[in-house]
PDB file of all heavy atoms in Angstrom:
ATOM      1  N   ALA A   1       0.833  -1.204   0.000  1.00  0.00           N
ATOM      2  CA  ALA A   1       0.000   0.000   0.000  1.00  0.00           C
ATOM      3  C   ALA A   1       0.863   1.247   0.000  1.00  0.00           C
ATOM      4  O   ALA A   1       1.842   1.347   0.727  1.00  0.00           O
ATOM      5  CB  ALA A   1      -0.914   0.001   1.223  1.00  0.00           C
ATOM      6  N   GLY A   2       0.481   2.208  -0.836  1.00  0.00           N
ATOM      7  CA  GLY A   2       1.154   3.490  -0.820  1.00  0.00           C
ATOM      8  C   GLY A   2       2.511   3.468  -1.508  1.00  0.00           C
ATOM      9  O   GLY A   2       2.916   2.484  -2.118  1.00  0.00           O
ATOM     10  N   ASP A   3       3.220   4.589  -1.396  1.00  0.00           N
ATOM     11  CA  ASP A   3       4.524   4.722  -2.034  1.00  0.00           C
ATOM     12  C   ASP A   3       5.613   4.106  -1.164  1.00  0.00           C
ATOM     13  O   ASP A   3       5.357   3.560  -0.089  1.00  0.00           O
ATOM     14  CB  ASP A   3       4.825   6.191  -2.327  1.00  0.00           C
ATOM     15  CG  ASP A   3       4.693   7.058  -1.069  1.00  0.00           C
ATOM     16  OD1 ASP A   3       4.877   6.532   0.046  1.00  0.00           O
ATOM     17  OD2 ASP A   3       4.400   8.260  -1.218  1.00  0.00           O
ATOM     18  N   ILE A   4       6.859   4.196  -1.636  1.00  0.00           N
ATOM     19  CA  ILE A   4       7.978   3.568  -0.930  1.00  0.00           C
ATOM     20  C   ILE A   4       8.127   4.144   0.474  1.00  0.00           C
ATOM     21  O   ILE A   4       8.403   3.426   1.436  1.00  0.00           O
ATOM     22  CB  ILE A   4       9.280   3.749  -1.735  1.00  0.00           C
ATOM     23  CG1 ILE A   4       9.194   2.968  -3.053  1.00  0.00           C
ATOM     24  CG2 ILE A   4      10.482   3.278  -0.925  1.00  0.00           C
ATOM     25  CD1 ILE A   4      10.379   3.174  -3.972  1.00  0.00           C
ATOM     26  N   GLY A   5       7.932   5.467   0.606  1.00  0.00           N
ATOM     27  CA  GLY A   5       8.052   6.101   1.909  1.00  0.00           C
ATOM     28  C   GLY A   5       7.041   5.567   2.902  1.00  0.00           C
ATOM     29  O   GLY A   5       7.377   5.294   4.059  1.00  0.00           O
ATOM     30  N   PHE A   6       5.791   5.385   2.444  1.00  0.00           N
ATOM     31  CA  PHE A   6       4.760   4.869   3.343  1.00  0.00           C
ATOM     32  C   PHE A   6       5.021   3.409   3.680  1.00  0.00           C
ATOM     33  O   PHE A   6       4.789   2.970   4.804  1.00  0.00           O
ATOM     34  CB  PHE A   6       3.371   5.013   2.731  1.00  0.00           C
ATOM     35  CG  PHE A   6       2.262   4.566   3.645  1.00  0.00           C
ATOM     36  CD1 PHE A   6       1.805   5.394   4.650  1.00  0.00           C
ATOM     37  CD2 PHE A   6       1.700   3.304   3.518  1.00  0.00           C
ATOM     38  CE1 PHE A   6       0.802   4.988   5.519  1.00  0.00           C
ATOM     39  CE2 PHE A   6       0.703   2.883   4.384  1.00  0.00           C
ATOM     40  CZ  PHE A   6       0.250   3.731   5.382  1.00  0.00           C
ATOM     41  N   GLN A   7       5.501   2.642   2.714  1.00  0.00           N
ATOM     42  CA  GLN A   7       5.808   1.233   2.976  1.00  0.00           C
ATOM     43  C   GLN A   7       6.866   1.090   4.069  1.00  0.00           C
ATOM     44  O   GLN A   7       6.766   0.231   4.939  1.00  0.00           O
ATOM     45  CB  GLN A   7       6.271   0.555   1.682  1.00  0.00           C
ATOM     46  CG  GLN A   7       5.175   0.392   0.648  1.00  0.00           C
ATOM     47  CD  GLN A   7       5.685  -0.191  -0.653  1.00  0.00           C
ATOM     48  OE1 GLN A   7       6.654  -0.942  -0.670  1.00  0.00           O
ATOM     49  NE2 GLN A   7       5.051   0.153  -1.757  1.00  0.00           N
ATOM     50  N   ALA A   8       7.866   1.965   4.026  1.00  0.00           N
ATOM     51  CA  ALA A   8       8.911   1.931   5.055  1.00  0.00           C
ATOM     52  C   ALA A   8       8.331   2.306   6.415  1.00  0.00           C
ATOM     53  O   ALA A   8       8.656   1.691   7.441  1.00  0.00           O
ATOM     54  CB  ALA A   8      10.044   2.883   4.682  1.00  0.00           C
ATOM     55  N   LYS A   9       7.440   3.289   6.423  1.00  0.00           N
ATOM     56  CA  LYS A   9       6.806   3.711   7.668  1.00  0.00           C
ATOM     57  C   LYS A   9       5.896   2.612   8.214  1.00  0.00           C
ATOM     58  O   LYS A   9       5.845   2.382   9.429  1.00  0.00           O
ATOM     59  CB  LYS A   9       6.000   4.995   7.428  1.00  0.00           C
ATOM     60  CG  LYS A   9       5.409   5.596   8.684  1.00  0.00           C
ATOM     61  CD  LYS A   9       4.927   7.026   8.454  1.00  0.00           C
ATOM     62  CE  LYS A   9       3.794   7.121   7.489  1.00  0.00           C
ATOM     63  NZ  LYS A   9       3.207   8.492   7.467  1.00  0.00           N
ATOM     64  N   ALA A  10       5.203   1.920   7.302  1.00  0.00           N
ATOM     65  CA  ALA A  10       4.321   0.829   7.718  1.00  0.00           C
ATOM     66  C   ALA A  10       5.125  -0.312   8.332  1.00  0.00           C
ATOM     67  O   ALA A  10       4.727  -0.891   9.354  1.00  0.00           O
ATOM     68  CB  ALA A  10       3.522   0.322   6.519  1.00  0.00           C
ATOM     69  N   GLN A  11       6.266  -0.640   7.734  1.00  0.00           N
ATOM     70  CA  GLN A  11       7.092  -1.715   8.293  1.00  0.00           C
ATOM     71  C   GLN A  11       7.652  -1.317   9.655  1.00  0.00           C
ATOM     72  O   GLN A  11       7.703  -2.145  10.576  1.00  0.00           O
ATOM     73  CB  GLN A  11       8.237  -2.064   7.340  1.00  0.00           C
ATOM     74  CG  GLN A  11       9.121  -3.185   7.876  1.00  0.00           C
ATOM     75  CD  GLN A  11       9.971  -3.833   6.807  1.00  0.00           C
ATOM     76  OE1 GLN A  11       9.679  -3.763   5.634  1.00  0.00           O
ATOM     77  NE2 GLN A  11      11.039  -4.487   7.225  1.00  0.00           N
ATOM     78  N   GLU A  12       8.069  -0.062   9.794  1.00  0.00           N
ATOM     79  CA  GLU A  12       8.581   0.410  11.078  1.00  0.00           C
ATOM     80  C   GLU A  12       7.503   0.310  12.157  1.00  0.00           C
ATOM     81  O   GLU A  12       7.778  -0.103  13.290  1.00  0.00           O
ATOM     82  CB  GLU A  12       9.059   1.851  10.940  1.00  0.00           C
ATOM     83  CG  GLU A  12       9.671   2.421  12.207  1.00  0.00           C
ATOM     84  CD  GLU A  12      10.151   3.851  12.035  1.00  0.00           C
ATOM     85  OE1 GLU A  12      10.158   4.340  10.884  1.00  0.00           O
ATOM     86  OE2 GLU A  12      10.507   4.482  13.045  1.00  0.00           O
ATOM     87  N   ARG A  13       6.282   0.672  11.793  1.00  0.00           N
ATOM     88  CA  ARG A  13       5.168   0.576  12.743  1.00  0.00           C
ATOM     89  C   ARG A  13       4.913  -0.873  13.133  1.00  0.00           C
ATOM     90  O   ARG A  13       4.685  -1.196  14.302  1.00  0.00           O
ATOM     91  CB  ARG A  13       3.907   1.179  12.118  1.00  0.00           C
ATOM     92  CG  ARG A  13       2.645   1.052  12.957  1.00  0.00           C
ATOM     93  CD  ARG A  13       2.667   1.985  14.140  1.00  0.00           C
ATOM     94  NE  ARG A  13       1.475   1.812  14.954  1.00  0.00           N
ATOM     95  CZ  ARG A  13       1.091   2.655  15.913  1.00  0.00           C
ATOM     96  NH1 ARG A  13       1.820   3.735  16.150  1.00  0.00           N
ATOM     97  NH2 ARG A  13       0.021   2.423  16.615  1.00  0.00           N
ATOM     98  N   MET A  14       4.965  -1.771  12.131  1.00  0.00           N
ATOM     99  CA  MET A  14       4.748  -3.187  12.405  1.00  0.00           C
ATOM    100  C   MET A  14       5.815  -3.727  13.348  1.00  0.00           C
ATOM    101  O   MET A  14       5.515  -4.487  14.276  1.00  0.00           O
ATOM    102  CB  MET A  14       4.763  -3.982  11.104  1.00  0.00           C
ATOM    103  CG  MET A  14       3.509  -3.840  10.268  1.00  0.00           C
ATOM    104  SD  MET A  14       2.043  -4.299  11.201  1.00  0.00           S
ATOM    105  CE  MET A  14       2.553  -5.862  11.850  1.00  0.00           C
ATOM    106  N   GLU A  15       7.040  -3.334  13.134  1.00  0.00           N
ATOM    107  CA  GLU A  15       8.128  -3.813  13.989  1.00  0.00           C
ATOM    108  C   GLU A  15       7.952  -3.347  15.428  1.00  0.00           C
ATOM    109  O   GLU A  15       8.223  -4.085  16.371  1.00  0.00           O
ATOM    110  CB  GLU A  15       9.469  -3.339  13.421  1.00  0.00           C
ATOM    111  CG  GLU A  15       9.845  -4.042  12.125  1.00  0.00           C
ATOM    112  CD  GLU A  15      11.067  -3.436  11.461  1.00  0.00           C
ATOM    113  OE1 GLU A  15      11.512  -2.364  11.925  1.00  0.00           O
ATOM    114  OE2 GLU A  15      11.561  -4.022  10.479  1.00  0.00           O
ATOM    115  N   SER A  16       7.448  -2.118  15.610  1.00  0.00           N
ATOM    116  CA  SER A  16       7.213  -1.617  16.970  1.00  0.00           C
ATOM    117  C   SER A  16       6.063  -2.353  17.634  1.00  0.00           C
ATOM    118  O   SER A  16       6.083  -2.604  18.844  1.00  0.00           O
ATOM    119  CB  SER A  16       6.931  -0.113  16.937  1.00  0.00           C
ATOM    120  OG  SER A  16       5.693   0.170  16.315  1.00  0.00           O
ATOM    121  N   MET A  17       5.054  -2.730  16.853  1.00  0.00           N
ATOM    122  CA  MET A  17       3.922  -3.486  17.400  1.00  0.00           C
ATOM    123  C   MET A  17       4.358  -4.887  17.804  1.00  0.00           C
ATOM    124  O   MET A  17       3.922  -5.418  18.829  1.00  0.00           O
ATOM    125  CB  MET A  17       2.784  -3.557  16.377  1.00  0.00           C
ATOM    126  CG  MET A  17       2.117  -2.227  16.096  1.00  0.00           C
ATOM    127  SD  MET A  17       0.821  -2.347  14.845  1.00  0.00           S
ATOM    128  CE  MET A  17      -0.410  -3.294  15.728  1.00  0.00           C
ATOM    129  N   ILE A  18       5.229  -5.491  17.010  1.00  0.00           N
ATOM    130  CA  ILE A  18       5.712  -6.833  17.322  1.00  0.00           C
ATOM    131  C   ILE A  18       6.499  -6.823  18.622  1.00  0.00           C
ATOM    132  O   ILE A  18       6.364  -7.716  19.464  1.00  0.00           O
ATOM    133  CB  ILE A  18       6.566  -7.371  16.157  1.00  0.00           C
ATOM    134  CG1 ILE A  18       5.685  -7.610  14.928  1.00  0.00           C
ATOM    135  CG2 ILE A  18       7.276  -8.656  16.553  1.00  0.00           C
ATOM    136  CD1 ILE A  18       6.468  -7.809  13.650  1.00  0.00           C
ATOM    137  N   LYS A  19       7.322  -5.788  18.815  1.00  0.00           N
ATOM    138  CA  LYS A  19       8.074  -5.665  20.049  1.00  0.00           C
ATOM    139  C   LYS A  19       7.146  -5.481  21.250  1.00  0.00           C
ATOM    140  O   LYS A  19       7.505  -5.796  22.378  1.00  0.00           O
ATOM    141  CB  LYS A  19       9.051  -4.495  19.951  1.00  0.00           C
ATOM    142  CG  LYS A  19      10.180  -4.722  18.969  1.00  0.00           C
ATOM    143  CD  LYS A  19      11.054  -3.491  18.835  1.00  0.00           C
ATOM    144  CE  LYS A  19      12.146  -3.706  17.789  1.00  0.00           C
ATOM    145  NZ  LYS A  19      12.963  -2.478  17.592  1.00  0.00           N
ATOM    146  N   GLY A  20       5.953  -4.960  20.993  1.00  0.00           N
ATOM    147  CA  GLY A  20       4.976  -4.786  22.058  1.00  0.00           C
ATOM    148  C   GLY A  20       4.112  -6.007  22.283  1.00  0.00           C
ATOM    149  O   GLY A  20       3.048  -5.914  22.888  1.00  0.00           O
ATOM    150  N   GLU A  21       4.523  -7.149  21.768  1.00  0.00           N
ATOM    151  CA  GLU A  21       3.881  -8.454  21.985  1.00  0.00           C
ATOM    152  C   GLU A  21       2.584  -8.650  21.209  1.00  0.00           C
ATOM    153  O   GLU A  21       1.748  -9.465  21.572  1.00  0.00           O
ATOM    154  CB  GLU A  21       3.649  -8.715  23.478  1.00  0.00           C
ATOM    155  CG  GLU A  21       4.937  -8.846  24.269  1.00  0.00           C
ATOM    156  CD  GLU A  21       4.708  -9.434  25.651  1.00  0.00           C
ATOM    157  OE1 GLU A  21       3.556  -9.468  26.102  1.00  0.00           O
ATOM    158  OE2 GLU A  21       5.697  -9.848  26.271  1.00  0.00           O
ATOM    159  N   THR A  22       2.414  -7.915  20.117  1.00  0.00           N
ATOM    160  CA  THR A  22       1.315  -8.223  19.206  1.00  0.00           C
ATOM    161  C   THR A  22       1.683  -9.484  18.429  1.00  0.00           C
ATOM    162  O   THR A  22       2.791  -9.614  17.911  1.00  0.00           O
ATOM    163  CB  THR A  22       1.072  -7.067  18.215  1.00  0.00           C
ATOM    164  OG1 THR A  22       0.722  -5.895  18.946  1.00  0.00           O
ATOM    165  CG2 THR A  22      -0.053  -7.403  17.253  1.00  0.00           C
ATOM    166  N   THR A  23       0.746 -10.426  18.361  1.00  0.00           N
ATOM    167  CA  THR A  23       0.955 -11.656  17.599  1.00  0.00           C
ATOM    168  C   THR A  23       0.541 -11.402  16.149  1.00  0.00           C
ATOM    169  O   THR A  23      -0.529 -10.833  15.908  1.00  0.00           O
ATOM    170  CB  THR A  23       0.130 -12.806  18.191  1.00  0.00           C
ATOM    171  OG1 THR A  23       0.458 -12.952  19.576  1.00  0.00           O
ATOM    172  CG2 THR A  23       0.410 -14.117  17.475  1.00  0.00           C
ATOM    173  N   VAL A  24       1.375 -11.820  15.208  1.00  0.00           N
ATOM    174  CA  VAL A  24       1.136 -11.487  13.805  1.00  0.00           C
ATOM    175  C   VAL A  24       1.188 -12.740  12.936  1.00  0.00           C
ATOM    176  O   VAL A  24       2.075 -13.580  13.100  1.00  0.00           O
ATOM    177  CB  VAL A  24       2.177 -10.469  13.287  1.00  0.00           C
ATOM    178  CG1 VAL A  24       1.922 -10.132  11.821  1.00  0.00           C
ATOM    179  CG2 VAL A  24       2.164  -9.205  14.135  1.00  0.00           C
ATOM    180  N   VAL A  25       0.214 -12.845  12.031  1.00  0.00           N
ATOM    181  CA  VAL A  25       0.283 -13.827  10.947  1.00  0.00           C
ATOM    182  C   VAL A  25       0.321 -13.015   9.665  1.00  0.00           C
ATOM    183  O   VAL A  25      -0.603 -12.257   9.367  1.00  0.00           O
ATOM    184  CB  VAL A  25      -0.918 -14.789  10.941  1.00  0.00           C
ATOM    185  CG1 VAL A  25      -0.787 -15.789   9.793  1.00  0.00           C
ATOM    186  CG2 VAL A  25      -1.027 -15.521  12.269  1.00  0.00           C
ATOM    187  N   MET A  26       1.394 -13.157   8.908  1.00  0.00           N
ATOM    188  CA  MET A  26       1.664 -12.275   7.773  1.00  0.00           C
ATOM    189  C   MET A  26       1.865 -13.062   6.487  1.00  0.00           C
ATOM    190  O   MET A  26       2.765 -13.904   6.395  1.00  0.00           O
ATOM    191  CB  MET A  26       2.916 -11.438   8.079  1.00  0.00           C
ATOM    192  CG  MET A  26       3.362 -10.526   6.967  1.00  0.00           C
ATOM    193  SD  MET A  26       4.800  -9.517   7.448  1.00  0.00           S
ATOM    194  CE  MET A  26       6.055 -10.791   7.620  1.00  0.00           C
ATOM    195  N   VAL A  27       1.016 -12.805   5.505  1.00  0.00           N
ATOM    196  CA  VAL A  27       1.175 -13.380   4.166  1.00  0.00           C
ATOM    197  C   VAL A  27       1.909 -12.374   3.302  1.00  0.00           C
ATOM    198  O   VAL A  27       1.545 -11.192   3.256  1.00  0.00           O
ATOM    199  CB  VAL A  27      -0.200 -13.696   3.541  1.00  0.00           C
ATOM    200  CG1 VAL A  27      -0.050 -14.010   2.054  1.00  0.00           C
ATOM    201  CG2 VAL A  27      -0.856 -14.863   4.256  1.00  0.00           C
ATOM    202  N   SER A  28       2.955 -12.819   2.630  1.00  0.00           N
ATOM    203  CA  SER A  28       3.693 -11.915   1.745  1.00  0.00           C
ATOM    204  C   SER A  28       4.476 -12.711   0.713  1.00  0.00           C
ATOM    205  O   SER A  28       4.960 -13.813   0.981  1.00  0.00           O
ATOM    206  CB  SER A  28       4.652 -11.042   2.555  1.00  0.00           C
ATOM    207  OG  SER A  28       5.382 -10.175   1.706  1.00  0.00           O
ATOM    208  N   HIS A  29       4.587 -12.110  -0.484  1.00  0.00           N
ATOM    209  CA  HIS A  29       5.455 -12.688  -1.522  1.00  0.00           C
ATOM    210  C   HIS A  29       6.870 -12.142  -1.398  1.00  0.00           C
ATOM    211  O   HIS A  29       7.771 -12.590  -2.128  1.00  0.00           O
ATOM    212  CB  HIS A  29       4.900 -12.375  -2.910  1.00  0.00           C
ATOM    213  CG  HIS A  29       3.706 -13.193  -3.277  1.00  0.00           C
ATOM    214  ND1 HIS A  29       3.763 -14.547  -3.510  1.00  0.00           N
ATOM    215  CD2 HIS A  29       2.399 -12.849  -3.422  1.00  0.00           C
ATOM    216  CE1 HIS A  29       2.556 -15.007  -3.800  1.00  0.00           C
ATOM    217  NE2 HIS A  29       1.719 -13.996  -3.754  1.00  0.00           N
ATOM    218  N   SER A  30       7.081 -11.178  -0.505  1.00  0.00           N
ATOM    219  CA  SER A  30       8.406 -10.620  -0.295  1.00  0.00           C
ATOM    220  C   SER A  30       9.175 -11.504   0.681  1.00  0.00           C
ATOM    221  O   SER A  30       8.994 -11.418   1.900  1.00  0.00           O
ATOM    222  CB  SER A  30       8.310  -9.195   0.256  1.00  0.00           C
ATOM    223  OG  SER A  30       9.584  -8.720   0.650  1.00  0.00           O
ATOM    224  N   LEU A  31      10.032 -12.355   0.158  1.00  0.00           N
ATOM    225  CA  LEU A  31      10.805 -13.254   1.010  1.00  0.00           C
ATOM    226  C   LEU A  31      11.781 -12.476   1.886  1.00  0.00           C
ATOM    227  O   LEU A  31      12.093 -12.902   3.001  1.00  0.00           O
ATOM    228  CB  LEU A  31      11.547 -14.278   0.155  1.00  0.00           C
ATOM    229  CG  LEU A  31      10.662 -15.210  -0.681  1.00  0.00           C
ATOM    230  CD1 LEU A  31      11.520 -16.205  -1.446  1.00  0.00           C
ATOM    231  CD2 LEU A  31       9.652 -15.943   0.193  1.00  0.00           C
ATOM    232  N   GLU A  32      12.231 -11.338   1.414  1.00  0.00           N
ATOM    233  CA  GLU A  32      13.114 -10.491   2.214  1.00  0.00           C
ATOM    234  C   GLU A  32      12.391 -10.010   3.470  1.00  0.00           C
ATOM    235  O   GLU A  32      12.944 -10.038   4.575  1.00  0.00           O
ATOM    236  CB  GLU A  32      13.588  -9.300   1.380  1.00  0.00           C
ATOM    237  CG  GLU A  32      14.517  -8.358   2.120  1.00  0.00           C
ATOM    238  CD  GLU A  32      14.955  -7.183   1.263  1.00  0.00           C
ATOM    239  OE1 GLU A  32      14.645  -7.175   0.052  1.00  0.00           O
ATOM    240  OE2 GLU A  32      15.590  -6.262   1.812  1.00  0.00           O
ATOM    241  N   ARG A  33      11.147  -9.571   3.298  1.00  0.00           N
ATOM    242  CA  ARG A  33      10.378  -9.085   4.453  1.00  0.00           C
ATOM    243  C   ARG A  33      10.015 -10.242   5.377  1.00  0.00           C
ATOM    244  O   ARG A  33      10.056 -10.113   6.597  1.00  0.00           O
ATOM    245  CB  ARG A  33       9.129  -8.357   3.963  1.00  0.00           C
ATOM    246  CG  ARG A  33       8.332  -7.690   5.066  1.00  0.00           C
ATOM    247  CD  ARG A  33       7.350  -6.703   4.513  1.00  0.00           C
ATOM    248  NE  ARG A  33       8.010  -5.503   4.044  1.00  0.00           N
ATOM    249  CZ  ARG A  33       7.926  -5.037   2.803  1.00  0.00           C
ATOM    250  NH1 ARG A  33       7.241  -5.698   1.898  1.00  0.00           N
ATOM    251  NH2 ARG A  33       8.542  -3.924   2.457  1.00  0.00           N
ATOM    252  N   ILE A  34       9.644 -11.373   4.800  1.00  0.00           N
ATOM    253  CA  ILE A  34       9.327 -12.556   5.601  1.00  0.00           C
ATOM    254  C   ILE A  34      10.538 -12.970   6.429  1.00  0.00           C
ATOM    255  O   ILE A  34      10.430 -13.256   7.632  1.00  0.00           O
ATOM    256  CB  ILE A  34       8.896 -13.727   4.691  1.00  0.00           C
ATOM    257  CG1 ILE A  34       7.494 -13.477   4.102  1.00  0.00           C
ATOM    258  CG2 ILE A  34       8.921 -15.053   5.448  1.00  0.00           C
ATOM    259  CD1 ILE A  34       6.355 -13.642   5.066  1.00  0.00           C
TER     260      ILE A  34
END
C-alpha cells in the first residue's frame, strides 16, 4: 500500500507493534520481508 516512503513507515510501525507483543500472521510474496 502506498509509495515507498509509506511502505517503510508501515514496516517500522509493524516492527514496533511486534516488540509490544502483538501476535502477527503475515502473508507476503516478499521473502526479504518474511
